[in-house]
Amino acid sequence: MNNQRNETIENYLEAIHILTLKNNNVRAIDIVQYLNYSRPTVSVALKNLQSAGYVNIDNNIITLTKLGLSVAEHTYERHELIA
């Protein structure tokens, strides 16, 4: 269960990182479209990520904290090596 939660966190953070590289400004709807998840699911996840210190949300713009960026970059690099 804990591994599944960690994988979910990593997937969200990696998605935010990729979207940031493409768009600079990432909003919840961008994550909804990128991951093909429902808006309520993404909203709950973002609140949890914010509470855990992985993301900041200001004026509906989502940015990764240093912690979030570190996890996202590590996940992205790991996926690039696999691909």
Protein backbone atom coordinates (compact mmCIF):
# COMPACT_ATOMS: atom_id res chain seq x y z
CA MET A 1 0.00 0.00 0.00
CA ASN A 2 2.76 2.42 0.91
CA ASN A 3 4.61 1.70 -2.35
CA GLN A 4 1.44 2.40 -4.31
CA ARG A 5 1.03 5.74 -2.51
CA ASN A 6 4.65 6.64 -3.22
CA GLU A 7 4.21 5.74 -6.88
CA THR A 8 1.10 7.91 -7.09
CA ILE A 9 2.96 10.84 -5.53
CA GLU A 10 5.85 10.32 -7.94
CA ASN A 11 3.48 10.20 -10.93
CA TYR A 12 1.84 13.50 -9.98
CA LEU A 13 5.17 15.21 -9.29
CA GLU A 14 6.67 13.94 -12.53
CA ALA A 15 3.60 15.14 -14.46
CA ILE A 16 3.85 18.59 -12.88
CA HIS A 17 7.56 18.69 -13.71
CA ILE A 18 7.00 17.72 -17.36
CA LEU A 19 4.14 20.20 -17.72
CA THR A 20 6.27 22.93 -16.15
CA LEU A 21 9.01 22.29 -18.68
CA LYS A 22 6.46 22.60 -21.50
CA ASN A 23 4.18 25.40 -20.24
CA ASN A 24 5.90 27.06 -17.27
CA ASN A 25 2.48 27.73 -15.64
CA VAL A 26 0.74 24.53 -14.55
CA ARG A 27 -2.88 24.47 -13.46
CA ALA A 28 -4.99 21.60 -12.15
CA ILE A 29 -6.79 21.27 -15.49
CA ASP A 30 -3.41 20.67 -17.18
CA ILE A 31 -2.77 17.75 -14.82
CA VAL A 32 -6.32 16.43 -15.38
CA GLN A 33 -5.73 16.39 -19.13
CA TYR A 34 -2.16 15.06 -18.94
CA LEU A 35 -2.94 12.16 -16.59
CA ASN A 36 -6.52 11.65 -17.80
CA TYR A 37 -7.81 11.75 -14.21
CA SER A 38 -10.99 13.38 -12.96
CA ARG A 39 -10.83 16.93 -11.66
CA PRO A 40 -11.98 15.94 -8.12
CA THR A 41 -9.26 13.26 -7.95
CA VAL A 42 -6.58 15.75 -8.97
CA SER A 43 -7.90 18.36 -6.51
CA VAL A 44 -7.65 15.94 -3.59
CA ALA A 45 -4.18 14.83 -4.67
CA LEU A 46 -2.98 18.43 -4.98
CA LYS A 47 -4.23 19.27 -1.49
CA ASN A 48 -2.36 16.24 -0.15
CA LEU A 49 0.80 17.14 -2.07
CA GLN A 50 0.60 20.70 -0.77
CA SER A 51 0.11 19.49 2.82
CA ALA A 52 3.12 17.19 2.46
CA GLY A 53 5.30 20.05 1.21
CA TYR A 54 5.74 18.86 -2.38
CA VAL A 55 3.89 21.67 -4.17
CA ASN A 56 2.85 25.28 -3.75
CA ILE A 57 -0.41 26.56 -5.18
CA ASP A 58 -0.75 30.30 -5.72
CA ASN A 59 -3.51 31.86 -7.84
CA ASN A 60 -4.28 28.37 -9.22
CA ILE A 61 -0.69 28.01 -10.47
CA ILE A 62 1.05 24.87 -9.22
CA THR A 63 4.80 24.87 -8.62
CA LEU A 64 7.06 22.24 -7.17
CA THR A 65 8.89 22.94 -3.93
CA LYS A 66 12.56 21.97 -3.66
CA LEU A 67 11.45 18.64 -2.18
CA GLY A 68 8.87 18.09 -4.91
CA LEU A 69 11.33 19.00 -7.65
CA SER A 70 13.92 16.61 -6.24
CA VAL A 71 11.45 13.70 -6.27
CA ALA A 72 10.12 14.67 -9.71
CA GLU A 73 13.57 14.89 -11.29
CA HIS A 74 14.63 11.57 -9.77
CA THR A 75 11.45 9.90 -11.04
CA TYR A 76 11.79 11.48 -14.48
CA GLU A 77 15.42 10.36 -14.80
CA ARG A 78 14.54 6.84 -13.67
CA HIS A 79 11.77 6.63 -16.27
CA GLU A 80 14.08 7.98 -18.98
CA LEU A 81 16.63 5.25 -18.21
CA ILE A 82 13.94 2.56 -18.46
CA ALA A 83 12.55 3.90 -21.74
